[in-house]
Amino acid sequence: DRSYSFFCKAGEDLDKRLYEMGADRKIPLYKCDVDFESR
């Protein structure tokens, strides 16, 4: 929810951590607001 300060923070942390552990990022991180259907 973009109205919160830590918008999509859990997803950001997870994406960064997997990359640090050597995983290959095939899709860049997508961050979706409350109307997430289009993204």
PDB file of all heavy atoms in Angstrom:
ATOM      1  N   ASP A   1       0.868  -1.176   0.000  1.00  0.00           N
ATOM      2  CA  ASP A   1       0.000   0.000   0.000  1.00  0.00           C
ATOM      3  C   ASP A   1       0.905   1.227   0.000  1.00  0.00           C
ATOM      4  O   ASP A   1       1.651   1.464   0.958  1.00  0.00           O
ATOM      5  CB  ASP A   1      -0.897  -0.024   1.243  1.00  0.00           C
ATOM      6  CG  ASP A   1      -1.939   1.101   1.235  1.00  0.00           C
ATOM      7  OD1 ASP A   1      -1.705   2.117   0.545  1.00  0.00           O
ATOM      8  OD2 ASP A   1      -2.963   0.955   1.926  1.00  0.00           O
ATOM      9  N   ARG A   2       0.837   2.012  -1.064  1.00  0.00           N
ATOM     10  CA  ARG A   2       1.753   3.133  -1.235  1.00  0.00           C
ATOM     11  C   ARG A   2       1.574   4.215  -0.165  1.00  0.00           C
ATOM     12  O   ARG A   2       2.462   5.064   0.040  1.00  0.00           O
ATOM     13  CB  ARG A   2       1.577   3.734  -2.632  1.00  0.00           C
ATOM     14  CG  ARG A   2       2.753   4.572  -3.095  1.00  0.00           C
ATOM     15  CD  ARG A   2       2.580   5.018  -4.530  1.00  0.00           C
ATOM     16  NE  ARG A   2       2.739   3.905  -5.457  1.00  0.00           N
ATOM     17  CZ  ARG A   2       3.924   3.469  -5.904  1.00  0.00           C
ATOM     18  NH1 ARG A   2       5.030   4.030  -5.476  1.00  0.00           N
ATOM     19  NH2 ARG A   2       3.972   2.477  -6.756  1.00  0.00           N
ATOM     20  N   SER A   3       0.479   4.204   0.518  1.00  0.00           N
ATOM     21  CA  SER A   3       0.249   5.209   1.555  1.00  0.00           C
ATOM     22  C   SER A   3       1.107   4.944   2.796  1.00  0.00           C
ATOM     23  O   SER A   3       1.220   5.806   3.667  1.00  0.00           O
ATOM     24  CB  SER A   3      -1.233   5.246   1.941  1.00  0.00           C
ATOM     25  OG  SER A   3      -1.639   4.009   2.495  1.00  0.00           O
ATOM     26  N   TYR A   4       1.705   3.748   2.875  1.00  0.00           N
ATOM     27  CA  TYR A   4       2.570   3.410   4.006  1.00  0.00           C
ATOM     28  C   TYR A   4       4.032   3.711   3.670  1.00  0.00           C
ATOM     29  O   TYR A   4       4.452   3.628   2.508  1.00  0.00           O
ATOM     30  CB  TYR A   4       2.424   1.933   4.375  1.00  0.00           C
ATOM     31  CG  TYR A   4       1.120   1.618   5.087  1.00  0.00           C
ATOM     32  CD1 TYR A   4      -0.025   1.331   4.357  1.00  0.00           C
ATOM     33  CD2 TYR A   4       1.048   1.620   6.472  1.00  0.00           C
ATOM     34  CE1 TYR A   4      -1.234   1.048   4.987  1.00  0.00           C
ATOM     35  CE2 TYR A   4      -0.153   1.332   7.123  1.00  0.00           C
ATOM     36  CZ  TYR A   4      -1.285   1.050   6.368  1.00  0.00           C
ATOM     37  OH  TYR A   4      -2.469   0.779   7.004  1.00  0.00           O
ATOM     38  N   SER A   5       4.810   4.052   4.691  1.00  0.00           N
ATOM     39  CA  SER A   5       6.222   4.422   4.495  1.00  0.00           C
ATOM     40  C   SER A   5       7.035   3.259   3.921  1.00  0.00           C
ATOM     41  O   SER A   5       7.917   3.458   3.085  1.00  0.00           O
ATOM     42  CB  SER A   5       6.849   4.866   5.821  1.00  0.00           C
ATOM     43  OG  SER A   5       6.146   5.962   6.350  1.00  0.00           O
ATOM     44  N   PHE A   6       6.776   2.039   4.383  1.00  0.00           N
ATOM     45  CA  PHE A   6       7.570   0.882   3.963  1.00  0.00           C
ATOM     46  C   PHE A   6       6.833   0.096   2.875  1.00  0.00           C
ATOM     47  O   PHE A   6       6.534  -1.085   3.018  1.00  0.00           O
ATOM     48  CB  PHE A   6       7.871  -0.013   5.166  1.00  0.00           C
ATOM     49  CG  PHE A   6       8.696   0.681   6.220  1.00  0.00           C
ATOM     50  CD1 PHE A   6       8.082   1.275   7.318  1.00  0.00           C
ATOM     51  CD2 PHE A   6      10.075   0.750   6.099  1.00  0.00           C
ATOM     52  CE1 PHE A   6       8.831   1.931   8.280  1.00  0.00           C
ATOM     53  CE2 PHE A   6      10.829   1.396   7.062  1.00  0.00           C
ATOM     54  CZ  PHE A   6      10.220   1.990   8.153  1.00  0.00           C
ATOM     55  N   PHE A   7       6.569   0.809   1.778  1.00  0.00           N
ATOM     56  CA  PHE A   7       5.815   0.226   0.668  1.00  0.00           C
ATOM     57  C   PHE A   7       6.561  -0.976   0.079  1.00  0.00           C
ATOM     58  O   PHE A   7       7.699  -0.868  -0.368  1.00  0.00           O
ATOM     59  CB  PHE A   7       5.607   1.305  -0.403  1.00  0.00           C
ATOM     60  CG  PHE A   7       4.956   0.824  -1.666  1.00  0.00           C
ATOM     61  CD1 PHE A   7       3.697   0.243  -1.655  1.00  0.00           C
ATOM     62  CD2 PHE A   7       5.612   0.965  -2.891  1.00  0.00           C
ATOM     63  CE1 PHE A   7       3.095  -0.193  -2.827  1.00  0.00           C
ATOM     64  CE2 PHE A   7       5.021   0.528  -4.070  1.00  0.00           C
ATOM     65  CZ  PHE A   7       3.761  -0.052  -4.043  1.00  0.00           C
ATOM     66  N   CYS A   8       5.922  -2.152   0.120  1.00  0.00           N
ATOM     67  CA  CYS A   8       6.462  -3.398  -0.458  1.00  0.00           C
ATOM     68  C   CYS A   8       7.826  -3.774   0.102  1.00  0.00           C
ATOM     69  O   CYS A   8       8.640  -4.416  -0.569  1.00  0.00           O
ATOM     70  CB  CYS A   8       6.538  -3.289  -1.983  1.00  0.00           C
ATOM     71  SG  CYS A   8       4.930  -3.255  -2.796  1.00  0.00           S
ATOM     72  N   LYS A   9       8.092  -3.396   1.360  1.00  0.00           N
ATOM     73  CA  LYS A   9       9.414  -3.642   1.955  1.00  0.00           C
ATOM     74  C   LYS A   9       9.740  -5.128   2.058  1.00  0.00           C
ATOM     75  O   LYS A   9      10.877  -5.547   1.820  1.00  0.00           O
ATOM     76  CB  LYS A   9       9.458  -3.017   3.356  1.00  0.00           C
ATOM     77  CG  LYS A   9      10.815  -3.095   4.057  1.00  0.00           C
ATOM     78  CD  LYS A   9      11.844  -2.209   3.380  1.00  0.00           C
ATOM     79  CE  LYS A   9      13.086  -2.021   4.242  1.00  0.00           C
ATOM     80  NZ  LYS A   9      13.767  -3.238   4.620  1.00  0.00           N
ATOM     81  N   ALA A  10       8.751  -5.946   2.413  1.00  0.00           N
ATOM     82  CA  ALA A  10       9.004  -7.389   2.541  1.00  0.00           C
ATOM     83  C   ALA A  10       9.456  -7.979   1.199  1.00  0.00           C
ATOM     84  O   ALA A  10      10.398  -8.782   1.135  1.00  0.00           O
ATOM     85  CB  ALA A  10       7.746  -8.111   3.032  1.00  0.00           C
ATOM     86  N   GLY A  11       8.797  -7.575   0.117  1.00  0.00           N
ATOM     87  CA  GLY A  11       9.179  -8.046  -1.213  1.00  0.00           C
ATOM     88  C   GLY A  11      10.564  -7.563  -1.603  1.00  0.00           C
ATOM     89  O   GLY A  11      11.361  -8.317  -2.187  1.00  0.00           O
ATOM     90  N   GLU A  12      10.881  -6.287  -1.281  1.00  0.00           N
ATOM     91  CA  GLU A  12      12.209  -5.746  -1.571  1.00  0.00           C
ATOM     92  C   GLU A  12      13.290  -6.536  -0.846  1.00  0.00           C
ATOM     93  O   GLU A  12      14.323  -6.892  -1.429  1.00  0.00           O
ATOM     94  CB  GLU A  12      12.287  -4.274  -1.134  1.00  0.00           C
ATOM     95  CG  GLU A  12      11.581  -3.310  -2.051  1.00  0.00           C
ATOM     96  CD  GLU A  12      11.741  -1.867  -1.574  1.00  0.00           C
ATOM     97  OE1 GLU A  12      12.255  -1.665  -0.457  1.00  0.00           O
ATOM     98  OE2 GLU A  12      11.342  -0.951  -2.322  1.00  0.00           O
ATOM     99  N   ASP A  13      13.070  -6.784   0.444  1.00  0.00           N
ATOM    100  CA  ASP A  13      14.058  -7.517   1.250  1.00  0.00           C
ATOM    101  C   ASP A  13      14.276  -8.933   0.713  1.00  0.00           C
ATOM    102  O   ASP A  13      15.406  -9.424   0.653  1.00  0.00           O
ATOM    103  CB  ASP A  13      13.601  -7.585   2.708  1.00  0.00           C
ATOM    104  CG  ASP A  13      13.634  -6.221   3.384  1.00  0.00           C
ATOM    105  OD1 ASP A  13      14.292  -5.308   2.843  1.00  0.00           O
ATOM    106  OD2 ASP A  13      12.991  -6.074   4.447  1.00  0.00           O
ATOM    107  N   LEU A  14      13.181  -9.580   0.347  1.00  0.00           N
ATOM    108  CA  LEU A  14      13.255 -10.951  -0.148  1.00  0.00           C
ATOM    109  C   LEU A  14      13.997 -11.011  -1.488  1.00  0.00           C
ATOM    110  O   LEU A  14      14.861 -11.869  -1.713  1.00  0.00           O
ATOM    111  CB  LEU A  14      11.844 -11.509  -0.304  1.00  0.00           C
ATOM    112  CG  LEU A  14      11.673 -13.026  -0.357  1.00  0.00           C
ATOM    113  CD1 LEU A  14      12.381 -13.702   0.783  1.00  0.00           C
ATOM    114  CD2 LEU A  14      10.191 -13.367  -0.364  1.00  0.00           C
ATOM    115  N   ASP A  15      13.671 -10.092  -2.377  1.00  0.00           N
ATOM    116  CA  ASP A  15      14.324 -10.036  -3.686  1.00  0.00           C
ATOM    117  C   ASP A  15      15.829  -9.815  -3.529  1.00  0.00           C
ATOM    118  O   ASP A  15      16.645 -10.492  -4.166  1.00  0.00           O
ATOM    119  CB  ASP A  15      13.707  -8.905  -4.506  1.00  0.00           C
ATOM    120  CG  ASP A  15      14.341  -8.765  -5.871  1.00  0.00           C
ATOM    121  OD1 ASP A  15      13.981  -9.552  -6.776  1.00  0.00           O
ATOM    122  OD2 ASP A  15      15.208  -7.880  -6.042  1.00  0.00           O
ATOM    123  N   LYS A  16      16.202  -8.890  -2.672  1.00  0.00           N
ATOM    124  CA  LYS A  16      17.615  -8.578  -2.439  1.00  0.00           C
ATOM    125  C   LYS A  16      18.347  -9.759  -1.816  1.00  0.00           C
ATOM    126  O   LYS A  16      19.469 -10.089  -2.199  1.00  0.00           O
ATOM    127  CB  LYS A  16      17.724  -7.348  -1.536  1.00  0.00           C
ATOM    128  CG  LYS A  16      19.155  -6.895  -1.292  1.00  0.00           C
ATOM    129  CD  LYS A  16      19.181  -5.676  -0.373  1.00  0.00           C
ATOM    130  CE  LYS A  16      20.624  -5.257  -0.083  1.00  0.00           C
ATOM    131  NZ  LYS A  16      20.680  -4.112   0.862  1.00  0.00           N
ATOM    132  N   ARG A  17      17.698 -10.416  -0.842  1.00  0.00           N
ATOM    133  CA  ARG A  17      18.350 -11.523  -0.134  1.00  0.00           C
ATOM    134  C   ARG A  17      18.601 -12.714  -1.063  1.00  0.00           C
ATOM    135  O   ARG A  17      19.680 -13.315  -1.030  1.00  0.00           O
ATOM    136  CB  ARG A  17      17.494 -11.961   1.054  1.00  0.00           C
ATOM    137  CG  ARG A  17      18.092 -13.091   1.882  1.00  0.00           C
ATOM    138  CD  ARG A  17      19.439 -12.719   2.449  1.00  0.00           C
ATOM    139  NE  ARG A  17      20.044 -13.808   3.231  1.00  0.00           N
ATOM    140  CZ  ARG A  17      21.341 -14.010   3.332  1.00  0.00           C
ATOM    141  NH1 ARG A  17      22.187 -13.206   2.705  1.00  0.00           N
ATOM    142  NH2 ARG A  17      21.808 -15.003   4.055  1.00  0.00           N
ATOM    143  N   LEU A  18      17.640 -13.058  -1.884  1.00  0.00           N
ATOM    144  CA  LEU A  18      17.826 -14.183  -2.823  1.00  0.00           C
ATOM    145  C   LEU A  18      18.965 -13.891  -3.793  1.00  0.00           C
ATOM    146  O   LEU A  18      19.762 -14.771  -4.123  1.00  0.00           O
ATOM    147  CB  LEU A  18      16.528 -14.453  -3.585  1.00  0.00           C
ATOM    148  CG  LEU A  18      15.383 -15.058  -2.765  1.00  0.00           C
ATOM    149  CD1 LEU A  18      14.105 -15.100  -3.591  1.00  0.00           C
ATOM    150  CD2 LEU A  18      15.748 -16.458  -2.277  1.00  0.00           C
ATOM    151  N   TYR A  19      19.038 -12.655  -4.246  1.00  0.00           N
ATOM    152  CA  TYR A  19      20.117 -12.250  -5.151  1.00  0.00           C
ATOM    153  C   TYR A  19      21.477 -12.377  -4.460  1.00  0.00           C
ATOM    154  O   TYR A  19      22.450 -12.856  -5.058  1.00  0.00           O
ATOM    155  CB  TYR A  19      19.901 -10.815  -5.622  1.00  0.00           C
ATOM    156  CG  TYR A  19      20.893 -10.349  -6.659  1.00  0.00           C
ATOM    157  CD1 TYR A  19      20.766 -10.741  -7.999  1.00  0.00           C
ATOM    158  CD2 TYR A  19      21.958  -9.527  -6.303  1.00  0.00           C
ATOM    159  CE1 TYR A  19      21.685 -10.329  -8.945  1.00  0.00           C
ATOM    160  CE2 TYR A  19      22.881  -9.105  -7.250  1.00  0.00           C
ATOM    161  CZ  TYR A  19      22.740  -9.504  -8.565  1.00  0.00           C
ATOM    162  OH  TYR A  19      23.650  -9.093  -9.502  1.00  0.00           O
ATOM    163  N   GLU A  20      21.541 -11.954  -3.186  1.00  0.00           N
ATOM    164  CA  GLU A  20      22.788 -12.060  -2.413  1.00  0.00           C
ATOM    165  C   GLU A  20      23.214 -13.509  -2.235  1.00  0.00           C
ATOM    166  O   GLU A  20      24.409 -13.811  -2.143  1.00  0.00           O
ATOM    167  CB  GLU A  20      22.602 -11.417  -1.040  1.00  0.00           C
ATOM    168  CG  GLU A  20      22.503  -9.904  -1.064  1.00  0.00           C
ATOM    169  CD  GLU A  20      22.129  -9.324   0.294  1.00  0.00           C
ATOM    170  OE1 GLU A  20      21.713 -10.104   1.201  1.00  0.00           O
ATOM    171  OE2 GLU A  20      22.229  -8.101   0.459  1.00  0.00           O
ATOM    172  N   MET A  21      22.259 -14.416  -2.204  1.00  0.00           N
ATOM    173  CA  MET A  21      22.564 -15.833  -1.992  1.00  0.00           C
ATOM    174  C   MET A  21      22.917 -16.556  -3.292  1.00  0.00           C
ATOM    175  O   MET A  21      23.076 -17.773  -3.301  1.00  0.00           O
ATOM    176  CB  MET A  21      21.381 -16.517  -1.298  1.00  0.00           C
ATOM    177  CG  MET A  21      21.094 -15.955   0.085  1.00  0.00           C
ATOM    178  SD  MET A  21      19.619 -16.637   0.855  1.00  0.00           S
ATOM    179  CE  MET A  21      20.272 -18.132   1.601  1.00  0.00           C
ATOM    180  N   GLY A  22      23.002 -15.798  -4.382  1.00  0.00           N
ATOM    181  CA  GLY A  22      23.468 -16.381  -5.646  1.00  0.00           C
ATOM    182  C   GLY A  22      22.397 -16.743  -6.640  1.00  0.00           C
ATOM    183  O   GLY A  22      22.705 -17.233  -7.725  1.00  0.00           O
ATOM    184  N   ALA A  23      21.127 -16.525  -6.294  1.00  0.00           N
ATOM    185  CA  ALA A  23      20.044 -16.860  -7.223  1.00  0.00           C
ATOM    186  C   ALA A  23      20.049 -15.889  -8.407  1.00  0.00           C
ATOM    187  O   ALA A  23      20.499 -14.753  -8.312  1.00  0.00           O
ATOM    188  CB  ALA A  23      18.701 -16.829  -6.504  1.00  0.00           C
ATOM    189  N   ASP A  24      19.530 -16.370  -9.528  1.00  0.00           N
ATOM    190  CA  ASP A  24      19.499 -15.598 -10.772  1.00  0.00           C
ATOM    191  C   ASP A  24      18.130 -14.935 -10.932  1.00  0.00           C
ATOM    192  O   ASP A  24      17.131 -15.614 -11.097  1.00  0.00           O
ATOM    193  CB  ASP A  24      19.788 -16.557 -11.943  1.00  0.00           C
ATOM    194  CG  ASP A  24      19.745 -15.857 -13.296  1.00  0.00           C
ATOM    195  OD1 ASP A  24      19.738 -14.607 -13.333  1.00  0.00           O
ATOM    196  OD2 ASP A  24      19.706 -16.572 -14.323  1.00  0.00           O
ATOM    197  N   ARG A  25      18.103 -13.592 -10.884  1.00  0.00           N
ATOM    198  CA  ARG A  25      16.845 -12.861 -10.973  1.00  0.00           C
ATOM    199  C   ARG A  25      16.346 -12.866 -12.421  1.00  0.00           C
ATOM    200  O   ARG A  25      16.893 -12.201 -13.278  1.00  0.00           O
ATOM    201  CB  ARG A  25      17.036 -11.423 -10.485  1.00  0.00           C
ATOM    202  CG  ARG A  25      15.743 -10.622 -10.433  1.00  0.00           C
ATOM    203  CD  ARG A  25      16.015  -9.156 -10.122  1.00  0.00           C
ATOM    204  NE  ARG A  25      16.443  -8.926  -8.755  1.00  0.00           N
ATOM    205  CZ  ARG A  25      17.619  -8.394  -8.429  1.00  0.00           C
ATOM    206  NH1 ARG A  25      18.489  -8.059  -9.375  1.00  0.00           N
ATOM    207  NH2 ARG A  25      17.941  -8.182  -7.169  1.00  0.00           N
ATOM    208  N   LYS A  26      15.284 -13.626 -12.694  1.00  0.00           N
ATOM    209  CA  LYS A  26      14.741 -13.740 -14.046  1.00  0.00           C
ATOM    210  C   LYS A  26      13.711 -12.658 -14.358  1.00  0.00           C
ATOM    211  O   LYS A  26      13.519 -12.289 -15.516  1.00  0.00           O
ATOM    212  CB  LYS A  26      14.112 -15.126 -14.260  1.00  0.00           C
ATOM    213  CG  LYS A  26      15.119 -16.239 -14.476  1.00  0.00           C
ATOM    214  CD  LYS A  26      15.862 -16.034 -15.777  1.00  0.00           C
ATOM    215  CE  LYS A  26      16.850 -17.142 -16.066  1.00  0.00           C
ATOM    216  NZ  LYS A  26      17.614 -16.878 -17.294  1.00  0.00           N
ATOM    217  N   ILE A  27      13.012 -12.190 -13.323  1.00  0.00           N
ATOM    218  CA  ILE A  27      12.041 -11.102 -13.493  1.00  0.00           C
ATOM    219  C   ILE A  27      12.408 -10.011 -12.489  1.00  0.00           C
ATOM    220  O   ILE A  27      12.590 -10.313 -11.295  1.00  0.00           O
ATOM    221  CB  ILE A  27      10.591 -11.569 -13.236  1.00  0.00           C
ATOM    222  CG1 ILE A  27      10.223 -12.753 -14.123  1.00  0.00           C
ATOM    223  CG2 ILE A  27       9.605 -10.418 -13.471  1.00  0.00           C
ATOM    224  CD1 ILE A  27       8.832 -13.312 -13.863  1.00  0.00           C
ATOM    225  N   PRO A  28      12.541  -8.766 -12.927  1.00  0.00           N
ATOM    226  CA  PRO A  28      12.831  -7.698 -11.961  1.00  0.00           C
ATOM    227  C   PRO A  28      11.696  -7.568 -10.952  1.00  0.00           C
ATOM    228  O   PRO A  28      10.552  -7.942 -11.230  1.00  0.00           O
ATOM    229  CB  PRO A  28      12.944  -6.448 -12.845  1.00  0.00           C
ATOM    230  CG  PRO A  28      12.224  -6.776 -14.101  1.00  0.00           C
ATOM    231  CD  PRO A  28      12.386  -8.246 -14.306  1.00  0.00           C
ATOM    232  N   LEU A  29      12.025  -7.066  -9.769  1.00  0.00           N
ATOM    233  CA  LEU A  29      11.020  -6.905  -8.712  1.00  0.00           C
ATOM    234  C   LEU A  29       9.873  -6.023  -9.188  1.00  0.00           C
ATOM    235  O   LEU A  29      10.079  -4.914  -9.667  1.00  0.00           O
ATOM    236  CB  LEU A  29      11.684  -6.285  -7.481  1.00  0.00           C
ATOM    237  CG  LEU A  29      10.749  -5.889  -6.339  1.00  0.00           C
ATOM    238  CD1 LEU A  29      10.109  -7.130  -5.709  1.00  0.00           C
ATOM    239  CD2 LEU A  29      11.504  -5.077  -5.293  1.00  0.00           C
ATOM    240  N   TYR A  30       8.652  -6.545  -9.060  1.00  0.00           N
ATOM    241  CA  TYR A  30       7.440  -5.766  -9.370  1.00  0.00           C
ATOM    242  C   TYR A  30       6.791  -5.385  -8.051  1.00  0.00           C
ATOM    243  O   TYR A  30       6.500  -6.242  -7.214  1.00  0.00           O
ATOM    244  CB  TYR A  30       6.463  -6.592 -10.203  1.00  0.00           C
ATOM    245  CG  TYR A  30       6.637  -6.472 -11.694  1.00  0.00           C
ATOM    246  CD1 TYR A  30       7.826  -6.839 -12.307  1.00  0.00           C
ATOM    247  CD2 TYR A  30       5.612  -5.977 -12.495  1.00  0.00           C
ATOM    248  CE1 TYR A  30       7.993  -6.738 -13.676  1.00  0.00           C
ATOM    249  CE2 TYR A  30       5.763  -5.863 -13.871  1.00  0.00           C
ATOM    250  CZ  TYR A  30       6.963  -6.243 -14.455  1.00  0.00           C
ATOM    251  OH  TYR A  30       7.112  -6.131 -15.811  1.00  0.00           O
ATOM    252  N   LYS A  31       6.524  -4.089  -7.869  1.00  0.00           N
ATOM    253  CA  LYS A  31       5.848  -3.605  -6.659  1.00  0.00           C
ATOM    254  C   LYS A  31       4.445  -3.108  -7.025  1.00  0.00           C
ATOM    255  O   LYS A  31       4.293  -2.253  -7.900  1.00  0.00           O
ATOM    256  CB  LYS A  31       6.668  -2.494  -6.009  1.00  0.00           C
ATOM    257  CG  LYS A  31       8.025  -3.001  -5.506  1.00  0.00           C
ATOM    258  CD  LYS A  31       8.733  -2.000  -4.612  1.00  0.00           C
ATOM    259  CE  LYS A  31       9.365  -0.879  -5.389  1.00  0.00           C
ATOM    260  NZ  LYS A  31      10.197   0.000  -4.512  1.00  0.00           N
ATOM    261  N   CYS A  32       3.443  -3.665  -6.355  1.00  0.00           N
ATOM    262  CA  CYS A  32       2.049  -3.364  -6.694  1.00  0.00           C
ATOM    263  C   CYS A  32       1.347  -2.627  -5.552  1.00  0.00           C
ATOM    264  O   CYS A  32       1.496  -2.990  -4.375  1.00  0.00           O
ATOM    265  CB  CYS A  32       1.273  -4.652  -6.976  1.00  0.00           C
ATOM    266  SG  CYS A  32       1.993  -5.656  -8.283  1.00  0.00           S
ATOM    267  N   ASP A  33       0.570  -1.627  -5.922  1.00  0.00           N
ATOM    268  CA  ASP A  33      -0.246  -0.890  -4.944  1.00  0.00           C
ATOM    269  C   ASP A  33      -1.546  -1.672  -4.711  1.00  0.00           C
ATOM    270  O   ASP A  33      -1.707  -2.782  -5.217  1.00  0.00           O
ATOM    271  CB  ASP A  33      -0.515   0.511  -5.497  1.00  0.00           C
ATOM    272  CG  ASP A  33      -0.809   1.522  -4.403  1.00  0.00           C
ATOM    273  OD1 ASP A  33      -1.010   1.099  -3.252  1.00  0.00           O
ATOM    274  OD2 ASP A  33      -0.831   2.726  -4.707  1.00  0.00           O
ATOM    275  N   VAL A  34      -2.478  -1.068  -3.982  1.00  0.00           N
ATOM    276  CA  VAL A  34      -3.719  -1.778  -3.654  1.00  0.00           C
ATOM    277  C   VAL A  34      -4.518  -2.193  -4.887  1.00  0.00           C
ATOM    278  O   VAL A  34      -5.194  -3.224  -4.894  1.00  0.00           O
ATOM    279  CB  VAL A  34      -4.602  -0.914  -2.713  1.00  0.00           C
ATOM    280  CG1 VAL A  34      -4.012  -0.863  -1.323  1.00  0.00           C
ATOM    281  CG2 VAL A  34      -4.781   0.496  -3.269  1.00  0.00           C
ATOM    282  N   ASP A  35      -4.431  -1.385  -5.967  1.00  0.00           N
ATOM    283  CA  ASP A  35      -5.068  -1.803  -7.227  1.00  0.00           C
ATOM    284  C   ASP A  35      -3.996  -2.501  -8.064  1.00  0.00           C
ATOM    285  O   ASP A  35      -3.455  -1.958  -9.011  1.00  0.00           O
ATOM    286  CB  ASP A  35      -5.653  -0.591  -7.966  1.00  0.00           C
ATOM    287  CG  ASP A  35      -4.660   0.549  -8.098  1.00  0.00           C
ATOM    288  OD1 ASP A  35      -3.629   0.514  -7.393  1.00  0.00           O
ATOM    289  OD2 ASP A  35      -4.899   1.468  -8.911  1.00  0.00           O
ATOM    290  N   PHE A  36      -3.733  -3.743  -7.668  1.00  0.00           N
ATOM    291  CA  PHE A  36      -2.565  -4.471  -8.176  1.00  0.00           C
ATOM    292  C   PHE A  36      -2.798  -5.229  -9.475  1.00  0.00           C
ATOM    293  O   PHE A  36      -1.860  -5.765 -10.074  1.00  0.00           O
ATOM    294  CB  PHE A  36      -2.068  -5.473  -7.117  1.00  0.00           C
ATOM    295  CG  PHE A  36      -3.129  -6.428  -6.646  1.00  0.00           C
ATOM    296  CD1 PHE A  36      -3.496  -7.531  -7.397  1.00  0.00           C
ATOM    297  CD2 PHE A  36      -3.771  -6.220  -5.425  1.00  0.00           C
ATOM    298  CE1 PHE A  36      -4.467  -8.416  -6.962  1.00  0.00           C
ATOM    299  CE2 PHE A  36      -4.743  -7.099  -4.978  1.00  0.00           C
ATOM    300  CZ  PHE A  36      -5.095  -8.203  -5.742  1.00  0.00           C
ATOM    301  N   GLU A  37      -4.020  -5.311  -9.959  1.00  0.00           N
ATOM    302  CA  GLU A  37      -4.347  -6.221 -11.064  1.00  0.00           C
ATOM    303  C   GLU A  37      -3.496  -5.966 -12.314  1.00  0.00           C
ATOM    304  O   GLU A  37      -2.972  -6.904 -12.929  1.00  0.00           O
ATOM    305  CB  GLU A  37      -5.837  -6.112 -11.433  1.00  0.00           C
ATOM    306  CG  GLU A  37      -6.778  -6.732 -10.425  1.00  0.00           C
ATOM    307  CD  GLU A  37      -7.056  -5.820  -9.245  1.00  0.00           C
ATOM    308  OE1 GLU A  37      -6.544  -4.676  -9.265  1.00  0.00           O
ATOM    309  OE2 GLU A  37      -7.767  -6.237  -8.309  1.00  0.00           O
ATOM    310  N   SER A  38      -3.353  -4.703 -12.714  1.00  0.00           N
ATOM    311  CA  SER A  38      -2.625  -4.378 -13.948  1.00  0.00           C
ATOM    312  C   SER A  38      -1.143  -4.746 -13.847  1.00  0.00           C
ATOM    313  O   SER A  38      -0.578  -5.364 -14.749  1.00  0.00           O
ATOM    314  CB  SER A  38      -2.777  -2.884 -14.259  1.00  0.00           C
ATOM    315  OG  SER A  38      -2.021  -2.542 -15.405  1.00  0.00           O
ATOM    316  N   ARG A  39      -0.513  -4.359 -12.709  1.00  0.00           N
ATOM    317  CA  ARG A  39       0.916  -4.679 -12.518  1.00  0.00           C
ATOM    318  C   ARG A  39       1.114  -6.186 -12.388  1.00  0.00           C
ATOM    319  O   ARG A  39       2.098  -6.738 -12.900  1.00  0.00           O
ATOM    320  CB  ARG A  39       1.446  -3.985 -11.267  1.00  0.00           C
ATOM    321  CG  ARG A  39       1.622  -2.489 -11.376  1.00  0.00           C
ATOM    322  CD  ARG A  39       2.859  -2.101 -12.161  1.00  0.00           C
ATOM    323  NE  ARG A  39       4.093  -2.372 -11.453  1.00  0.00           N
ATOM    324  CZ  ARG A  39       5.283  -2.369 -12.026  1.00  0.00           C
ATOM    325  NH1 ARG A  39       5.396  -2.124 -13.318  1.00  0.00           N
ATOM    326  NH2 ARG A  39       6.369  -2.627 -11.335  1.00  0.00           N
TER     327      ARG A  39
END
